[in-house]
Amino acid sequence: MEAPDWLDKTKIKITLDALPILASGEHPLQRVVEECATLQTGEIYEIITPFAPMPMIEKLSAQGFGNFTETTDDGLYHTYFMKPLFR
């Protein structure tokens, strides 16, 4: 799948490596939702996970955030959320 036009990695404002959080038995969903709410229009949030974070994608999509997930060579998932231009 090709990256969307809005995915300009220079606009990433927050990156969260969720592996340590998940390894501790915690779930980063609420943290990501709260941190995404602090973004300005057009800014991007990146989360790194060992799987596609579908509940997070669904929740933020319902709030109007654009999303895109890519898998890197090491098997990790990088999911990007872009604050919508209009709400």
PDB file of N, CA and C in Angstrom:
ATOM      1  N   MET A   1       0.852  -1.185   0.000  1.00  0.00           N
ATOM      2  CA  MET A   1       0.000   0.000   0.000  1.00  0.00           C
ATOM      3  C   MET A   1       0.892   1.242   0.000  1.00  0.00           C
ATOM      4  N   GLU A   2       0.547   2.170  -0.825  1.00  0.00           N
ATOM      5  CA  GLU A   2       1.337   3.388  -0.965  1.00  0.00           C
ATOM      6  C   GLU A   2       0.957   4.403   0.108  1.00  0.00           C
ATOM      7  N   ALA A   3       1.959   5.122   0.594  1.00  0.00           N
ATOM      8  CA  ALA A   3       1.727   6.133   1.638  1.00  0.00           C
ATOM      9  C   ALA A   3       0.848   7.263   1.087  1.00  0.00           C
ATOM     10  N   PRO A   4      -0.028   7.806   1.924  1.00  0.00           N
ATOM     11  CA  PRO A   4      -0.886   8.910   1.487  1.00  0.00           C
ATOM     12  C   PRO A   4      -0.072  10.196   1.296  1.00  0.00           C
ATOM     13  N   ASP A   5      -0.622  11.111   0.529  1.00  0.00           N
ATOM     14  CA  ASP A   5       0.051  12.389   0.260  1.00  0.00           C
ATOM     15  C   ASP A   5       0.353  13.173   1.530  1.00  0.00           C
ATOM     16  N   TRP A   6      -0.491  13.046   2.543  1.00  0.00           N
ATOM     17  CA  TRP A   6      -0.298  13.841   3.764  1.00  0.00           C
ATOM     18  C   TRP A   6       0.862  13.348   4.621  1.00  0.00           C
ATOM     19  N   LEU A   7       1.390  12.155   4.345  1.00  0.00           N
ATOM     20  CA  LEU A   7       2.442  11.602   5.200  1.00  0.00           C
ATOM     21  C   LEU A   7       3.798  12.229   4.861  1.00  0.00           C
ATOM     22  N   ASP A   8       4.036  13.361   5.475  1.00  0.00           N
ATOM     23  CA  ASP A   8       5.310  14.072   5.378  1.00  0.00           C
ATOM     24  C   ASP A   8       5.985  13.864   6.731  1.00  0.00           C
ATOM     25  N   LYS A   9       6.998  13.013   6.771  1.00  0.00           N
ATOM     26  CA  LYS A   9       7.597  12.631   8.053  1.00  0.00           C
ATOM     27  C   LYS A   9       8.274  13.796   8.765  1.00  0.00           C
ATOM     28  N   THR A  10       8.482  14.908   8.085  1.00  0.00           N
ATOM     29  CA  THR A  10       9.021  16.094   8.769  1.00  0.00           C
ATOM     30  C   THR A  10       7.950  16.742   9.641  1.00  0.00           C
ATOM     31  N   LYS A  11       6.682  16.345   9.457  1.00  0.00           N
ATOM     32  CA  LYS A  11       5.587  16.900  10.257  1.00  0.00           C
ATOM     33  C   LYS A  11       5.250  16.040  11.471  1.00  0.00           C
ATOM     34  N   ILE A  12       6.059  14.979  11.715  1.00  0.00           N
ATOM     35  CA  ILE A  12       5.842  14.152  12.898  1.00  0.00           C
ATOM     36  C   ILE A  12       6.239  14.967  14.124  1.00  0.00           C
ATOM     37  N   LYS A  13       5.300  15.188  15.021  1.00  0.00           N
ATOM     38  CA  LYS A  13       5.545  15.980  16.235  1.00  0.00           C
ATOM     39  C   LYS A  13       5.757  15.101  17.457  1.00  0.00           C
ATOM     40  N   ILE A  14       5.152  13.921  17.460  1.00  0.00           N
ATOM     41  CA  ILE A  14       5.279  13.013  18.603  1.00  0.00           C
ATOM     42  C   ILE A  14       5.505  11.607  18.054  1.00  0.00           C
ATOM     43  N   THR A  15       6.504  10.924  18.601  1.00  0.00           N
ATOM     44  CA  THR A  15       6.739   9.513  18.290  1.00  0.00           C
ATOM     45  C   THR A  15       6.715   8.738  19.598  1.00  0.00           C
ATOM     46  N   LEU A  16       5.951   7.671  19.619  1.00  0.00           N
ATOM     47  CA  LEU A  16       5.868   6.821  20.803  1.00  0.00           C
ATOM     48  C   LEU A  16       6.280   5.399  20.430  1.00  0.00           C
ATOM     49  N   ASP A  17       7.342   4.926  21.054  1.00  0.00           N
ATOM     50  CA  ASP A  17       7.732   3.522  20.924  1.00  0.00           C
ATOM     51  C   ASP A  17       6.943   2.778  21.991  1.00  0.00           C
ATOM     52  N   ALA A  18       5.901   2.077  21.572  1.00  0.00           N
ATOM     53  CA  ALA A  18       4.995   1.428  22.521  1.00  0.00           C
ATOM     54  C   ALA A  18       5.478   0.066  22.990  1.00  0.00           C
ATOM     55  N   LEU A  19       6.596  -0.421  22.469  1.00  0.00           N
ATOM     56  CA  LEU A  19       7.061  -1.754  22.856  1.00  0.00           C
ATOM     57  C   LEU A  19       7.275  -1.892  24.358  1.00  0.00           C
ATOM     58  N   PRO A  20       7.967  -0.963  25.036  1.00  0.00           N
ATOM     59  CA  PRO A  20       8.134  -1.105  26.489  1.00  0.00           C
ATOM     60  C   PRO A  20       6.809  -1.037  27.252  1.00  0.00           C
ATOM     61  N   ILE A  21       5.880  -0.220  26.774  1.00  0.00           N
ATOM     62  CA  ILE A  21       4.575  -0.087  27.416  1.00  0.00           C
ATOM     63  C   ILE A  21       3.819  -1.410  27.316  1.00  0.00           C
ATOM     64  N   LEU A  22       3.791  -1.959  26.107  1.00  0.00           N
ATOM     65  CA  LEU A  22       3.092  -3.225  25.887  1.00  0.00           C
ATOM     66  C   LEU A  22       3.761  -4.364  26.649  1.00  0.00           C
ATOM     67  N   ALA A  23       5.089  -4.372  26.701  1.00  0.00           N
ATOM     68  CA  ALA A  23       5.826  -5.421  27.423  1.00  0.00           C
ATOM     69  C   ALA A  23       5.518  -5.406  28.914  1.00  0.00           C
ATOM     70  N   SER A  24       5.160  -4.224  29.435  1.00  0.00           N
ATOM     71  CA  SER A  24       4.838  -4.116  30.855  1.00  0.00           C
ATOM     72  C   SER A  24       3.383  -4.499  31.154  1.00  0.00           C
ATOM     73  N   GLY A  25       2.633  -4.824  30.091  1.00  0.00           N
ATOM     74  CA  GLY A  25       1.238  -5.215  30.274  1.00  0.00           C
ATOM     75  C   GLY A  25       0.261  -4.056  30.184  1.00  0.00           C
ATOM     76  N   GLU A  26       0.771  -2.872  29.925  1.00  0.00           N
ATOM     77  CA  GLU A  26      -0.086  -1.688  29.791  1.00  0.00           C
ATOM     78  C   GLU A  26      -0.548  -1.543  28.338  1.00  0.00           C
ATOM     79  N   HIS A  27      -1.539  -0.688  28.141  1.00  0.00           N
ATOM     80  CA  HIS A  27      -2.050  -0.396  26.808  1.00  0.00           C
ATOM     81  C   HIS A  27      -1.953   1.112  26.568  1.00  0.00           C
ATOM     82  N   PRO A  28      -1.371   1.534  25.449  1.00  0.00           N
ATOM     83  CA  PRO A  28      -1.152   2.955  25.214  1.00  0.00           C
ATOM     84  C   PRO A  28      -2.324   3.704  24.583  1.00  0.00           C
ATOM     85  N   LEU A  29      -3.460   3.062  24.393  1.00  0.00           N
ATOM     86  CA  LEU A  29      -4.575   3.691  23.670  1.00  0.00           C
ATOM     87  C   LEU A  29      -4.950   5.059  24.231  1.00  0.00           C
ATOM     88  N   GLN A  30      -5.233   5.141  25.521  1.00  0.00           N
ATOM     89  CA  GLN A  30      -5.675   6.408  26.100  1.00  0.00           C
ATOM     90  C   GLN A  30      -4.595   7.482  25.969  1.00  0.00           C
ATOM     91  N   ARG A  31      -3.345   7.106  26.208  1.00  0.00           N
ATOM     92  CA  ARG A  31      -2.236   8.057  26.074  1.00  0.00           C
ATOM     93  C   ARG A  31      -2.162   8.609  24.649  1.00  0.00           C
ATOM     94  N   VAL A  32      -2.274   7.733  23.662  1.00  0.00           N
ATOM     95  CA  VAL A  32      -2.181   8.169  22.267  1.00  0.00           C
ATOM     96  C   VAL A  32      -3.345   9.098  21.918  1.00  0.00           C
ATOM     97  N   VAL A  33      -4.545   8.754  22.342  1.00  0.00           N
ATOM     98  CA  VAL A  33      -5.711   9.604  22.073  1.00  0.00           C
ATOM     99  C   VAL A  33      -5.500  10.985  22.692  1.00  0.00           C
ATOM    100  N   GLU A  34      -5.026  11.031  23.934  1.00  0.00           N
ATOM    101  CA  GLU A  34      -4.792  12.310  24.608  1.00  0.00           C
ATOM    102  C   GLU A  34      -3.692  13.111  23.926  1.00  0.00           C
ATOM    103  N   GLU A  35      -2.602  12.444  23.535  1.00  0.00           N
ATOM    104  CA  GLU A  35      -1.503  13.154  22.891  1.00  0.00           C
ATOM    105  C   GLU A  35      -1.884  13.612  21.484  1.00  0.00           C
ATOM    106  N   CYS A  36      -2.677  12.830  20.769  1.00  0.00           N
ATOM    107  CA  CYS A  36      -3.133  13.249  19.445  1.00  0.00           C
ATOM    108  C   CYS A  36      -4.000  14.509  19.542  1.00  0.00           C
ATOM    109  N   ALA A  37      -4.733  14.625  20.622  1.00  0.00           N
ATOM    110  CA  ALA A  37      -5.584  15.805  20.818  1.00  0.00           C
ATOM    111  C   ALA A  37      -4.762  17.087  20.946  1.00  0.00           C
ATOM    112  N   THR A  38      -3.475  16.973  21.276  1.00  0.00           N
ATOM    113  CA  THR A  38      -2.624  18.160  21.427  1.00  0.00           C
ATOM    114  C   THR A  38      -2.003  18.617  20.110  1.00  0.00           C
ATOM    115  N   LEU A  39      -2.147  17.810  19.059  1.00  0.00           N
ATOM    116  CA  LEU A  39      -1.554  18.165  17.773  1.00  0.00           C
ATOM    117  C   LEU A  39      -2.247  19.361  17.148  1.00  0.00           C
ATOM    118  N   GLN A  40      -1.505  20.097  16.363  1.00  0.00           N
ATOM    119  CA  GLN A  40      -2.077  21.175  15.555  1.00  0.00           C
ATOM    120  C   GLN A  40      -2.512  20.566  14.214  1.00  0.00           C
ATOM    121  N   THR A  41      -3.366  21.243  13.499  1.00  0.00           N
ATOM    122  CA  THR A  41      -3.835  20.789  12.198  1.00  0.00           C
ATOM    123  C   THR A  41      -2.656  20.431  11.297  1.00  0.00           C
ATOM    124  N   GLY A  42      -2.703  19.247  10.700  1.00  0.00           N
ATOM    125  CA  GLY A  42      -1.668  18.809   9.774  1.00  0.00           C
ATOM    126  C   GLY A  42      -0.471  18.143  10.419  1.00  0.00           C
ATOM    127  N   GLU A  43      -0.374  18.198  11.758  1.00  0.00           N
ATOM    128  CA  GLU A  43       0.746  17.540  12.431  1.00  0.00           C
ATOM    129  C   GLU A  43       0.475  16.044  12.550  1.00  0.00           C
ATOM    130  N   ILE A  44       1.558  15.281  12.712  1.00  0.00           N
ATOM    131  CA  ILE A  44       1.470  13.823  12.682  1.00  0.00           C
ATOM    132  C   ILE A  44       1.996  13.204  13.968  1.00  0.00           C
ATOM    133  N   TYR A  45       1.310  12.164  14.395  1.00  0.00           N
ATOM    134  CA  TYR A  45       1.693  11.352  15.550  1.00  0.00           C
ATOM    135  C   TYR A  45       2.128   9.995  15.009  1.00  0.00           C
ATOM    136  N   GLU A  46       3.247   9.480  15.503  1.00  0.00           N
ATOM    137  CA  GLU A  46       3.730   8.152  15.093  1.00  0.00           C
ATOM    138  C   GLU A  46       3.793   7.242  16.306  1.00  0.00           C
ATOM    139  N   ILE A  47       3.271   6.041  16.157  1.00  0.00           N
ATOM    140  CA  ILE A  47       3.390   5.034  17.212  1.00  0.00           C
ATOM    141  C   ILE A  47       4.013   3.775  16.601  1.00  0.00           C
ATOM    142  N   ILE A  48       4.926   3.176  17.346  1.00  0.00           N
ATOM    143  CA  ILE A  48       5.632   1.974  16.897  1.00  0.00           C
ATOM    144  C   ILE A  48       5.162   0.810  17.769  1.00  0.00           C
ATOM    145  N   THR A  49       4.666  -0.243  17.108  1.00  0.00           N
ATOM    146  CA  THR A  49       4.114  -1.400  17.811  1.00  0.00           C
ATOM    147  C   THR A  49       4.546  -2.693  17.112  1.00  0.00           C
ATOM    148  N   PRO A  50       4.389  -3.839  17.802  1.00  0.00           N
ATOM    149  CA  PRO A  50       4.715  -5.116  17.166  1.00  0.00           C
ATOM    150  C   PRO A  50       3.542  -5.687  16.353  1.00  0.00           C
ATOM    151  N   PHE A  51       2.447  -4.946  16.258  1.00  0.00           N
ATOM    152  CA  PHE A  51       1.252  -5.378  15.523  1.00  0.00           C
ATOM    153  C   PHE A  51       0.499  -4.126  15.093  1.00  0.00           C
ATOM    154  N   ALA A  52      -0.418  -4.283  14.155  1.00  0.00           N
ATOM    155  CA  ALA A  52      -1.250  -3.150  13.733  1.00  0.00           C
ATOM    156  C   ALA A  52      -2.225  -2.823  14.863  1.00  0.00           C
ATOM    157  N   PRO A  53      -2.217  -1.601  15.390  1.00  0.00           N
ATOM    158  CA  PRO A  53      -3.070  -1.245  16.533  1.00  0.00           C
ATOM    159  C   PRO A  53      -4.500  -0.906  16.097  1.00  0.00           C
ATOM    160  N   MET A  54      -5.254  -1.920  15.707  1.00  0.00           N
ATOM    161  CA  MET A  54      -6.579  -1.695  15.128  1.00  0.00           C
ATOM    162  C   MET A  54      -7.556  -0.920  16.018  1.00  0.00           C
ATOM    163  N   PRO A  55      -7.680  -1.211  17.325  1.00  0.00           N
ATOM    164  CA  PRO A  55      -8.616  -0.409  18.128  1.00  0.00           C
ATOM    165  C   PRO A  55      -8.240   1.080  18.134  1.00  0.00           C
ATOM    166  N   MET A  56      -6.953   1.371  18.161  1.00  0.00           N
ATOM    167  CA  MET A  56      -6.485   2.752  18.139  1.00  0.00           C
ATOM    168  C   MET A  56      -6.802   3.403  16.789  1.00  0.00           C
ATOM    169  N   ILE A  57      -6.559   2.669  15.722  1.00  0.00           N
ATOM    170  CA  ILE A  57      -6.847   3.177  14.376  1.00  0.00           C
ATOM    171  C   ILE A  57      -8.334   3.477  14.249  1.00  0.00           C
ATOM    172  N   GLU A  58      -9.177   2.562  14.716  1.00  0.00           N
ATOM    173  CA  GLU A  58     -10.622   2.762  14.628  1.00  0.00           C
ATOM    174  C   GLU A  58     -11.080   3.960  15.441  1.00  0.00           C
ATOM    175  N   LYS A  59     -10.554   4.100  16.658  1.00  0.00           N
ATOM    176  CA  LYS A  59     -10.973   5.203  17.533  1.00  0.00           C
ATOM    177  C   LYS A  59     -10.563   6.559  16.943  1.00  0.00           C
ATOM    178  N   LEU A  60      -9.327   6.669  16.495  1.00  0.00           N
ATOM    179  CA  LEU A  60      -8.862   7.948  15.965  1.00  0.00           C
ATOM    180  C   LEU A  60      -9.461   8.243  14.592  1.00  0.00           C
ATOM    181  N   SER A  61      -9.726   7.216  13.807  1.00  0.00           N
ATOM    182  CA  SER A  61     -10.406   7.423  12.524  1.00  0.00           C
ATOM    183  C   SER A  61     -11.796   7.997  12.753  1.00  0.00           C
ATOM    184  N   ALA A  62     -12.477   7.498  13.782  1.00  0.00           N
ATOM    185  CA  ALA A  62     -13.813   7.998  14.116  1.00  0.00           C
ATOM    186  C   ALA A  62     -13.774   9.461  14.536  1.00  0.00           C
ATOM    187  N   GLN A  63     -12.602   9.922  15.012  1.00  0.00           N
ATOM    188  CA  GLN A  63     -12.433  11.326  15.394  1.00  0.00           C
ATOM    189  C   GLN A  63     -11.938  12.166  14.220  1.00  0.00           C
ATOM    190  N   GLY A  64     -11.802  11.554  13.045  1.00  0.00           N
ATOM    191  CA  GLY A  64     -11.423  12.292  11.846  1.00  0.00           C
ATOM    192  C   GLY A  64      -9.943  12.272  11.500  1.00  0.00           C
ATOM    193  N   PHE A  65      -9.128  11.588  12.288  1.00  0.00           N
ATOM    194  CA  PHE A  65      -7.690  11.533  12.013  1.00  0.00           C
ATOM    195  C   PHE A  65      -7.418  10.647  10.800  1.00  0.00           C
ATOM    196  N   GLY A  66      -6.516  11.123   9.939  1.00  0.00           N
ATOM    197  CA  GLY A  66      -6.028  10.271   8.869  1.00  0.00           C
ATOM    198  C   GLY A  66      -5.084   9.258   9.482  1.00  0.00           C
ATOM    199  N   ASN A  67      -4.975   8.073   8.878  1.00  0.00           N
ATOM    200  CA  ASN A  67      -4.038   7.087   9.409  1.00  0.00           C
ATOM    201  C   ASN A  67      -3.408   6.289   8.292  1.00  0.00           C
ATOM    202  N   PHE A  68      -2.213   5.815   8.577  1.00  0.00           N
ATOM    203  CA  PHE A  68      -1.481   4.963   7.648  1.00  0.00           C
ATOM    204  C   PHE A  68      -0.541   4.103   8.468  1.00  0.00           C
ATOM    205  N   THR A  69      -0.459   2.824   8.134  1.00  0.00           N
ATOM    206  CA  THR A  69       0.437   1.906   8.833  1.00  0.00           C
ATOM    207  C   THR A  69       1.364   1.250   7.823  1.00  0.00           C
ATOM    208  N   GLU A  70       2.639   1.207   8.178  1.00  0.00           N
ATOM    209  CA  GLU A  70       3.617   0.499   7.349  1.00  0.00           C
ATOM    210  C   GLU A  70       4.430  -0.424   8.246  1.00  0.00           C
ATOM    211  N   THR A  71       4.909  -1.515   7.651  1.00  0.00           N
ATOM    212  CA  THR A  71       5.729  -2.467   8.382  1.00  0.00           C
ATOM    213  C   THR A  71       7.172  -2.295   7.935  1.00  0.00           C
ATOM    214  N   THR A  72       8.078  -2.228   8.901  1.00  0.00           N
ATOM    215  CA  THR A  72       9.492  -2.078   8.579  1.00  0.00           C
ATOM    216  C   THR A  72      10.148  -3.455   8.472  1.00  0.00           C
ATOM    217  N   ASP A  73      11.366  -3.478   7.994  1.00  0.00           N
ATOM    218  CA  ASP A  73      12.078  -4.743   7.791  1.00  0.00           C
ATOM    219  C   ASP A  73      12.242  -5.552   9.068  1.00  0.00           C
ATOM    220  N   ASP A  74      12.243  -4.876  10.217  1.00  0.00           N
ATOM    221  CA  ASP A  74      12.394  -5.587  11.490  1.00  0.00           C
ATOM    222  C   ASP A  74      11.067  -6.126  12.022  1.00  0.00           C
ATOM    223  N   GLY A  75       9.994  -5.989  11.222  1.00  0.00           N
ATOM    224  CA  GLY A  75       8.695  -6.536  11.599  1.00  0.00           C
ATOM    225  C   GLY A  75       7.860  -5.626  12.475  1.00  0.00           C
ATOM    226  N   LEU A  76       8.342  -4.419  12.738  1.00  0.00           N
ATOM    227  CA  LEU A  76       7.572  -3.477  13.558  1.00  0.00           C
ATOM    228  C   LEU A  76       6.600  -2.676  12.693  1.00  0.00           C
ATOM    229  N   TYR A  77       5.528  -2.257  13.323  1.00  0.00           N
ATOM    230  CA  TYR A  77       4.512  -1.460  12.647  1.00  0.00           C
ATOM    231  C   TYR A  77       4.666  -0.004  13.064  1.00  0.00           C
ATOM    232  N   HIS A  78       4.725   0.867  12.079  1.00  0.00           N
ATOM    233  CA  HIS A  78       4.758   2.306  12.314  1.00  0.00           C
ATOM    234  C   HIS A  78       3.414   2.833  11.830  1.00  0.00           C
ATOM    235  N   THR A  79       2.634   3.336  12.764  1.00  0.00           N
ATOM    236  CA  THR A  79       1.317   3.870  12.421  1.00  0.00           C
ATOM    237  C   THR A  79       1.354   5.370  12.619  1.00  0.00           C
ATOM    238  N   TYR A  80       0.832   6.078  11.629  1.00  0.00           N
ATOM    239  CA  TYR A  80       0.848   7.540  11.627  1.00  0.00           C
ATOM    240  C   TYR A  80      -0.585   8.051  11.671  1.00  0.00           C
ATOM    241  N   PHE A  81      -0.809   9.050  12.523  1.00  0.00           N
ATOM    242  CA  PHE A  81      -2.116   9.705  12.621  1.00  0.00           C
ATOM    243  C   PHE A  81      -1.919  11.178  12.321  1.00  0.00           C
ATOM    244  N   MET A  82      -2.706  11.706  11.393  1.00  0.00           N
ATOM    245  CA  MET A  82      -2.606  13.118  11.033  1.00  0.00           C
ATOM    246  C   MET A  82      -3.850  13.859  11.522  1.00  0.00           C
ATOM    247  N   LYS A  83      -3.593  14.947  12.259  1.00  0.00           N
ATOM    248  CA  LYS A  83      -4.709  15.779  12.744  1.00  0.00           C
ATOM    249  C   LYS A  83      -5.422  16.358  11.539  1.00  0.00           C
ATOM    250  N   PRO A  84      -6.728  16.193  11.477  1.00  0.00           N
ATOM    251  CA  PRO A  84      -7.476  16.636  10.289  1.00  0.00           C
ATOM    252  C   PRO A  84      -7.451  18.144  10.105  1.00  0.00           C
ATOM    253  N   LEU A  85      -7.593  18.541   8.856  1.00  0.00           N
ATOM    254  CA  LEU A  85      -7.594  19.961   8.521  1.00  0.00           C
ATOM    255  C   LEU A  85      -8.877  20.629   8.996  1.00  0.00           C
ATOM    256  N   PHE A  86      -9.968  19.897   8.972  1.00  0.00           N
ATOM    257  CA  PHE A  86     -11.250  20.452   9.403  1.00  0.00           C
ATOM    258  C   PHE A  86     -11.910  19.515  10.378  1.00  0.00           C
ATOM    259  N   ARG A  87     -12.508  20.065  11.420  1.00  0.00           N
ATOM    260  CA  ARG A  87     -13.230  19.247  12.411  1.00  0.00           C
ATOM    261  C   ARG A  87     -14.596  19.837  12.623  1.00  0.00           C
TER     262      ARG A  87
END
